[in-house]
C-alpha cells in the first residue's frame, strides 16, 4: 500500500509553506512575549482565509477548496513546522462538523476561530455538563482559548460538543504556559449554546492524528535547524557536523522522524477511511510516536546549538516549548501507548 502524497499534494504543502514564510513566527512570538500580548497573528489568519485554507474540505460554493482529509494532514504539518500562531488545526478539525451554509461560510472566511479541549484517553476531565443544548462548566487549559469563538469539548458521558463562546456565556482567564505560539486560557462556561457531534472518542482520535502531523512538522524543523547550524558552526577548524558525535546524533534523529512519519501516514490513511477500530489504532500509534519524536528532536536541536540554543534569539527553544505543550495536550504518549495494549473491541469503543 502506498502512503506517499501525490505531486499535487506536495505542491499544495509547498504553497502553504510559502504563505507561512511570509509571516515568520519566531520574531513575532518573541515580541508578543516581551509585550505580554496573547499570541495570535491576525494578518496570517486573514491571509489563510483569503486563500481558502480555512475551508480545505468545504465545497467551493461554501468558500472552500473541496479537498479530502489528506489536505488537513498537510496543513497541520506545515503549521507545526512554522510554529504558526493561529488556531488552524482545531478550526480545520471542527469544519467537518458544520452542516449549515452559514456555519461553513463563517469558518471559511475566518470569522469563526475554534479551540480544542478534549479529555485524554481513559480520563473524564476536563468535561462539560450539557442540558437542553446549553453547556456549563470549566475547561482548562485551552490553547487559543482567549481568542476562540468556539471550543470543541466533551461531556462526562463521552459525547462531543461544539460550544459557542460568543456573547456573555464564557469567562476567560489567561494561564501561564511554556508555549509562546498558543496562549492558554481557562474557560468558565454558563449556558453556552452547544452542538452535539457524536462520540468524543472519535473526535479525539481525529484530533490526535492531526496533532501528530503538527508535531511531525515541528520535529522536521528542529532537525533542519540543527543540520544548518552544524554546517555553519566551526570548532577546531572544521564544521561541527564533521564530528561523529554530532553527525551520528543527527542521523539517528532523522531515523526517528522517518519512523514517526510512517506512523503519521498510517493515521492519514485511517482518517480517510473513517473506520473506528482502524482510526483508534492509527491515532494511538501516530500520537505516541510523534509526541516522543518532537520532544526528542527539540532537545537534540538544542544540544547541537549548544549555549546559543538557550538564547532568546534562537528558534530552537521555541520548539522545545511547543513540544512540551503538545505533549500535555490530549494526553501523554504513555496514555496513547496504553491504548495499543487494549483489545480491538475496546479500541472500537473509545
Protein backbone atom coordinates (compact mmCIF):
# COMPACT_ATOMS: atom_id res chain seq x y z
CA UNK A 1 0.00 0.00 0.00
CA UNK A 2 1.38 3.42 -0.98
CA UNK A 3 1.07 6.08 1.71
CA UNK A 4 3.06 8.74 -0.18
CA UNK A 5 1.49 12.07 -1.09
CA UNK A 6 0.96 12.88 -4.75
CA UNK A 7 2.90 15.58 -6.58
CA UNK A 8 -0.16 17.83 -6.45
CA UNK A 9 -0.47 17.37 -2.69
CA UNK A 10 3.23 18.06 -2.21
CA UNK A 11 2.87 21.23 -4.24
CA UNK A 12 -0.09 22.21 -2.04
CA UNK A 13 2.09 21.83 1.05
CA UNK A 14 4.75 23.97 -0.60
CA UNK A 15 2.19 26.65 -1.31
CA UNK A 16 1.15 26.75 2.34
CA UNK A 17 4.78 26.75 3.50
CA UNK A 18 5.41 29.78 1.29
CA UNK A 19 2.46 31.56 2.90
CA UNK A 20 3.77 30.85 6.38
CA UNK A 21 7.16 32.07 5.20
CA UNK A 22 5.66 35.50 4.51
CA UNK A 23 4.72 35.74 8.20
CA UNK A 24 7.71 34.29 10.10
CA UNK A 25 6.56 33.33 13.57
CA UNK A 26 9.69 33.39 15.81
CA UNK A 27 10.28 37.17 15.82
CA UNK A 28 6.56 37.79 16.35
CA UNK A 29 6.39 35.28 19.21
CA UNK A 30 9.33 36.90 20.99
CA UNK A 31 7.89 40.40 20.54
CA UNK A 32 4.47 39.35 21.86
CA UNK A 33 6.03 37.59 24.83
CA UNK A 34 8.10 40.67 25.67
CA UNK A 35 4.99 42.86 25.45
CA UNK A 36 2.72 40.45 27.32
CA UNK A 37 0.38 40.11 24.32
CA UNK A 38 -1.57 36.93 23.60
CA UNK A 39 -0.13 35.04 20.64
CA UNK A 40 -2.24 35.41 17.51
CA UNK A 41 -1.24 36.59 14.04
CA UNK A 42 -4.32 38.31 12.63
CA UNK A 43 -2.62 39.09 9.32
CA UNK A 44 -1.71 35.45 8.79
CA UNK A 45 -5.22 34.34 9.74
CA UNK A 46 -6.75 36.70 7.21
CA UNK A 47 -4.32 35.53 4.53
CA UNK A 48 -5.30 31.92 5.25
CA UNK A 49 -8.95 32.88 4.86
CA UNK A 50 -8.37 34.88 1.69
CA UNK A 51 -6.59 31.93 0.05
CA UNK A 52 -9.29 29.49 1.25
CA UNK A 53 -7.01 27.47 3.51
CA UNK A 54 -9.55 27.55 6.33
CA UNK A 55 -12.11 25.72 4.19
CA UNK A 56 -9.88 23.00 2.78
CA UNK A 57 -12.55 20.29 2.92
CA UNK A 58 -15.51 22.59 2.28
CA UNK A 59 -17.13 22.78 -1.14
CA UNK A 60 -16.08 25.68 -3.38
CA UNK A 61 -19.65 27.01 -3.13
CA UNK A 62 -19.06 27.43 0.62
CA UNK A 63 -15.77 29.24 0.13
CA UNK A 64 -13.58 26.16 0.44
CA UNK A 65 -11.27 24.12 -1.77
CA UNK A 66 -13.22 20.86 -1.82
CA UNK A 67 -10.21 18.71 -0.89
CA UNK A 68 -10.04 15.50 1.13
CA UNK A 69 -8.71 14.78 4.61
CA UNK A 70 -5.18 14.37 3.22
CA UNK A 71 -5.10 18.12 2.83
CA UNK A 72 -5.84 18.54 6.53
CA UNK A 73 -2.79 16.50 7.48
CA UNK A 74 -0.58 18.51 5.13
CA UNK A 75 -1.85 21.77 6.61
CA UNK A 76 -1.26 20.54 10.16
CA UNK A 77 2.30 19.51 9.31
CA UNK A 78 3.17 22.87 7.80
CA UNK A 79 1.58 24.72 10.71
CA UNK A 80 3.75 22.75 13.12
CA UNK A 81 6.87 23.37 11.07
CA UNK A 82 6.19 27.12 11.04
CA UNK A 83 5.09 27.42 14.70
CA UNK A 84 2.07 29.21 13.23
CA UNK A 85 0.39 31.28 15.99
CA UNK A 86 -3.15 30.65 14.74
CA UNK A 87 -5.76 28.00 15.74
CA UNK A 88 -5.55 26.34 12.33
CA UNK A 89 -5.59 22.65 13.31
CA UNK A 90 -8.57 22.91 15.68
CA UNK A 91 -10.52 25.06 13.23
CA UNK A 92 -9.93 22.67 10.34
CA UNK A 93 -10.97 19.74 12.53
CA UNK A 94 -14.19 21.44 13.60
CA UNK A 95 -15.00 22.24 9.98
CA UNK A 96 -16.05 18.63 9.47
CA UNK A 97 -18.89 19.16 11.95
CA UNK A 98 -20.56 22.12 10.28
CA UNK A 99 -23.69 21.31 8.32
CA UNK A 100 -25.27 24.67 7.51
CA UNK A 101 -24.18 27.19 4.85
CA UNK A 102 -23.93 29.93 7.48
CA UNK A 103 -21.58 27.91 9.67
CA UNK A 104 -19.40 26.84 6.76
CA UNK A 105 -19.19 30.41 5.46
CA UNK A 106 -18.15 31.68 8.91
CA UNK A 107 -15.40 29.07 9.02
CA UNK A 108 -14.08 29.69 5.50
CA UNK A 109 -13.93 33.47 5.93
CA UNK A 110 -12.08 33.29 9.24
CA UNK A 111 -14.96 34.69 11.28
CA UNK A 112 -15.01 31.56 13.46
CA UNK A 113 -11.89 30.54 15.37
CA UNK A 114 -12.07 27.21 17.15
CA UNK A 115 -10.14 25.89 20.15
CA UNK A 116 -9.81 22.29 21.28
CA UNK A 117 -10.16 20.83 24.77
CA UNK A 118 -10.89 17.10 24.79
CA UNK A 119 -10.08 14.78 27.73
CA UNK A 120 -7.20 12.30 27.29
CA UNK A 121 -7.94 8.61 26.66
CA UNK A 122 -9.39 6.87 29.70
CA UNK A 123 -9.89 10.10 31.63
CA UNK A 124 -13.06 12.04 32.40
CA UNK A 125 -11.73 15.58 32.77
CA UNK A 126 -11.97 18.26 31.64
CA UNK A 127 -15.63 17.81 30.71
CA UNK A 128 -18.79 19.86 30.35
CA UNK A 129 -22.32 19.50 31.66
CA UNK A 130 -24.82 19.93 28.80
CA UNK A 131 -28.55 20.36 29.44
CA UNK A 132 -31.00 21.15 26.65
CA UNK A 133 -28.21 22.17 24.29
CA UNK A 134 -26.58 24.52 26.82
CA UNK A 135 -23.10 23.81 28.17
CA UNK A 136 -21.73 24.78 31.56
CA UNK A 137 -18.52 24.01 33.39
CA UNK A 138 -14.83 24.83 33.35
CA UNK A 139 -12.31 23.86 30.69
CA UNK A 140 -8.56 24.28 31.23
CA UNK A 141 -6.07 24.58 29.78
CA UNK A 142 -7.48 25.63 26.41
CA UNK A 143 -4.89 26.60 23.82
CA UNK A 144 -6.04 29.75 21.98
CA UNK A 145 -8.92 29.98 24.46
CA UNK A 146 -8.57 33.75 24.81
CA UNK A 147 -9.43 34.37 21.17
CA UNK A 148 -11.61 31.37 20.24
CA UNK A 149 -15.20 31.83 19.12
CA UNK A 150 -15.99 28.16 19.78
CA UNK A 151 -14.44 25.22 21.60
CA UNK A 152 -14.63 21.51 20.83
CA UNK A 153 -15.15 19.75 24.16
CA UNK A 154 -16.76 16.69 25.70
CA UNK A 155 -19.25 15.75 28.41
CA UNK A 156 -18.83 13.10 31.11
CA UNK A 157 -20.93 10.62 29.10
CA UNK A 158 -18.42 10.62 26.25
CA UNK A 159 -20.25 12.94 23.89
CA UNK A 160 -18.52 15.63 21.86
CA UNK A 161 -19.89 19.18 21.67
CA UNK A 162 -19.01 22.28 19.71
CA UNK A 163 -19.68 25.12 22.14
CA UNK A 164 -20.29 28.69 21.02
CA UNK A 165 -18.24 31.10 23.15
CA UNK A 166 -19.58 34.33 21.72
CA UNK A 167 -21.64 36.61 23.91
CA UNK A 168 -21.67 36.67 27.70
CA UNK A 169 -21.61 32.89 28.17
CA UNK A 170 -17.85 32.47 28.72
CA UNK A 171 -15.48 33.95 31.26
CA UNK A 172 -11.84 33.69 30.20
CA UNK A 173 -8.68 33.79 32.28
CA UNK A 174 -5.20 33.67 30.79
CA UNK A 175 -2.94 30.90 32.10
CA UNK A 176 0.83 30.79 32.29
CA UNK A 177 2.32 28.37 29.76
CA UNK A 178 5.67 27.42 28.30
CA UNK A 179 4.27 27.63 24.78
CA UNK A 180 4.78 31.03 23.16
CA UNK A 181 2.88 30.15 19.97
CA UNK A 182 -0.53 29.42 21.52
CA UNK A 183 -1.71 31.27 24.60
CA UNK A 184 -3.62 29.08 27.06
CA UNK A 185 -6.76 30.07 28.94
CA UNK A 186 -9.24 28.82 31.50
CA UNK A 187 -12.82 28.97 30.25
CA UNK A 188 -15.78 29.08 32.63
CA UNK A 189 -19.00 28.48 30.71
CA UNK A 190 -22.54 29.26 31.78
CA UNK A 191 -25.34 28.16 29.47
CA UNK A 192 -23.31 28.36 26.26
CA UNK A 193 -25.06 27.06 23.10
CA UNK A 194 -23.70 23.62 22.22
CA UNK A 195 -23.98 21.46 19.11
CA UNK A 196 -23.83 17.68 19.58
CA UNK A 197 -21.15 15.99 17.46
CA UNK A 198 -21.39 12.34 18.47
CA UNK A 199 -18.62 10.31 20.12
CA UNK A 200 -15.89 12.33 21.82
CA UNK A 201 -13.53 9.38 21.34
CA UNK A 202 -13.78 9.58 17.57
CA UNK A 203 -13.16 13.32 17.58
CA UNK A 204 -10.22 12.86 19.95
CA UNK A 205 -8.73 10.28 17.58
CA UNK A 206 -9.10 12.67 14.64
CA UNK A 207 -7.53 15.45 16.68
CA UNK A 208 -4.69 13.15 17.74
CA UNK A 209 -3.81 12.35 14.13
CA UNK A 210 -3.81 15.99 13.04
CA UNK A 211 -1.79 16.94 16.12
CA UNK A 212 0.68 14.16 15.28
CA UNK A 213 1.24 15.79 11.91
CA UNK A 214 1.72 19.14 13.62
CA UNK A 215 4.34 17.52 15.87
CA UNK A 216 5.95 15.85 12.86
CA UNK A 217 6.33 19.20 11.12
CA UNK A 218 7.88 20.69 14.24
CA UNK A 219 10.29 17.77 14.59
CA UNK A 220 11.43 18.12 10.99
CA UNK A 221 12.02 21.83 11.52
CA UNK A 222 14.14 21.06 14.59
CA UNK A 223 16.29 18.68 12.56
CA UNK A 224 16.63 21.20 9.72
CA UNK A 225 17.74 23.89 12.18
CA UNK A 226 20.27 21.56 13.76
CA UNK A 227 21.72 20.45 10.41
CA UNK A 228 22.04 24.04 9.21
CA UNK A 229 23.80 25.10 12.41
CA UNK A 230 26.12 22.05 12.30
CA UNK A 231 27.28 23.19 8.86
CA UNK A 232 28.00 26.80 9.80
CA UNK A 233 29.38 26.43 13.34
CA UNK A 234 33.13 25.80 13.28
CA UNK A 235 35.26 24.22 16.00
CA UNK A 236 38.92 23.20 15.72
CA UNK A 237 38.98 24.44 12.15
CA UNK A 238 36.03 22.47 10.76
CA UNK A 239 32.21 22.43 10.91
CA UNK A 240 30.91 20.65 13.99
CA UNK A 241 28.82 18.47 11.67
CA UNK A 242 32.07 16.74 10.66
CA UNK A 243 32.44 15.24 14.14
CA UNK A 244 30.94 11.79 14.65
CA UNK A 245 29.26 12.78 17.90
CA UNK A 246 27.19 15.35 16.00
CA UNK A 247 26.64 13.61 12.67
CA UNK A 248 25.54 10.36 14.34
CA UNK A 249 23.14 12.28 16.60
CA UNK A 250 21.54 13.94 13.58
CA UNK A 251 21.41 10.69 11.61
CA UNK A 252 19.68 8.92 14.50
CA UNK A 253 17.21 11.77 14.80
CA UNK A 254 16.46 11.53 11.08
CA UNK A 255 15.62 7.83 11.53
CA UNK A 256 13.29 8.60 14.46
CA UNK A 257 11.46 11.24 12.44
CA UNK A 258 11.01 8.88 9.50
CA UNK A 259 9.54 6.24 11.80
CA UNK A 260 7.16 8.84 13.22
CA UNK A 261 6.30 9.91 9.68
CA UNK A 262 5.35 6.33 8.77
CA UNK A 263 3.01 6.14 11.77
CA UNK A 264 1.54 9.54 10.92
CA UNK A 265 0.91 8.43 7.33
CA UNK A 266 -0.98 5.42 8.67
CA UNK A 267 -3.02 7.93 10.65
CA UNK A 268 -3.75 9.88 7.47
CA UNK A 269 -4.95 6.67 5.82
CA UNK A 270 -7.19 5.85 8.80
CA UNK A 271 -8.55 9.39 8.83
CA UNK A 272 -9.62 8.99 5.21
CA UNK A 273 -11.15 5.54 5.81
CA UNK A 274 -13.09 6.58 8.91
CA UNK A 275 -13.42 3.06 10.33
CA UNK A 276 -13.47 3.45 14.16
CA UNK A 277 -11.23 0.48 15.04
CA UNK A 278 -8.57 1.38 12.46
CA UNK A 279 -8.83 5.05 13.38
CA UNK A 280 -8.31 4.29 17.07
CA UNK A 281 -5.26 2.14 16.47
CA UNK A 282 -3.72 4.57 13.99
CA UNK A 283 -4.37 7.54 16.28
CA UNK A 284 -2.62 5.82 19.18
CA UNK A 285 0.38 4.89 17.03
CA UNK A 286 0.67 8.32 15.42
CA UNK A 287 0.16 10.28 18.61
CA UNK A 288 2.56 8.27 20.80
CA UNK A 289 5.28 8.23 18.16
CA UNK A 290 5.00 11.89 17.18
CA UNK A 291 4.89 13.10 20.78
CA UNK A 292 8.13 11.35 21.71
CA UNK A 293 9.81 12.31 18.44
CA UNK A 294 9.03 16.03 18.59
CA UNK A 295 10.29 16.26 22.15
CA UNK A 296 13.46 14.34 21.23
CA UNK A 297 14.02 16.50 18.16
CA UNK A 298 13.61 19.72 20.13
CA UNK A 299 16.04 18.53 22.81
CA UNK A 300 18.63 17.30 20.31
CA UNK A 301 18.39 20.52 18.32
CA UNK A 302 19.16 22.45 21.50
CA UNK A 303 22.11 20.17 22.20
CA UNK A 304 23.57 20.76 18.75
CA UNK A 305 23.11 24.52 19.09
CA UNK A 306 24.83 24.45 22.48
CA UNK A 307 24.54 27.62 24.53
CA UNK A 308 23.16 29.52 21.54
CA UNK A 309 20.04 27.35 21.64
CA UNK A 310 19.02 28.78 25.01
CA UNK A 311 19.27 32.39 23.93
CA UNK A 312 16.12 34.40 23.32
CA UNK A 313 17.04 34.97 19.67
CA UNK A 314 17.27 31.26 18.79
CA UNK A 315 14.29 29.38 17.35
CA UNK A 316 15.26 26.03 18.86
CA UNK A 317 13.93 26.71 22.36
CA UNK A 318 10.58 27.84 20.91
CA UNK A 319 10.12 24.31 19.57
CA UNK A 320 11.03 22.77 22.91
CA UNK A 321 8.31 24.89 24.50
CA UNK A 322 5.83 23.85 21.82
CA UNK A 323 6.79 20.19 22.11
CA UNK A 324 6.14 20.25 25.84
CA UNK A 325 2.76 21.92 25.35
CA UNK A 326 1.66 19.39 22.72
CA UNK A 327 2.92 16.56 24.92
CA UNK A 328 0.40 17.65 27.56
CA UNK A 329 -2.46 18.18 25.10
CA UNK A 330 -4.80 15.21 24.53
CA UNK A 331 -2.83 13.10 27.00
CA UNK A 332 0.76 11.90 27.23
CA UNK A 333 2.44 9.41 24.93
CA UNK A 334 2.20 6.83 27.73
CA UNK A 335 -1.61 7.06 27.75
CA UNK A 336 -1.76 6.55 23.99
CA UNK A 337 0.62 3.59 24.17
CA UNK A 338 -1.69 2.01 26.72
CA UNK A 339 -4.48 2.13 24.15
CA UNK A 340 -2.39 -0.04 21.86
CA UNK A 341 -2.40 -2.74 24.52
CA UNK A 342 -6.19 -2.77 24.68
CA UNK A 343 -8.28 -5.36 22.87
CA UNK A 344 -9.54 -4.37 19.39
CA UNK A 345 -13.09 -4.29 20.75
CA UNK A 346 -12.09 -1.72 23.34
CA UNK A 347 -10.38 0.40 20.69
CA UNK A 348 -13.52 0.34 18.59
CA UNK A 349 -15.50 1.79 21.51
CA UNK A 350 -13.32 4.59 22.91
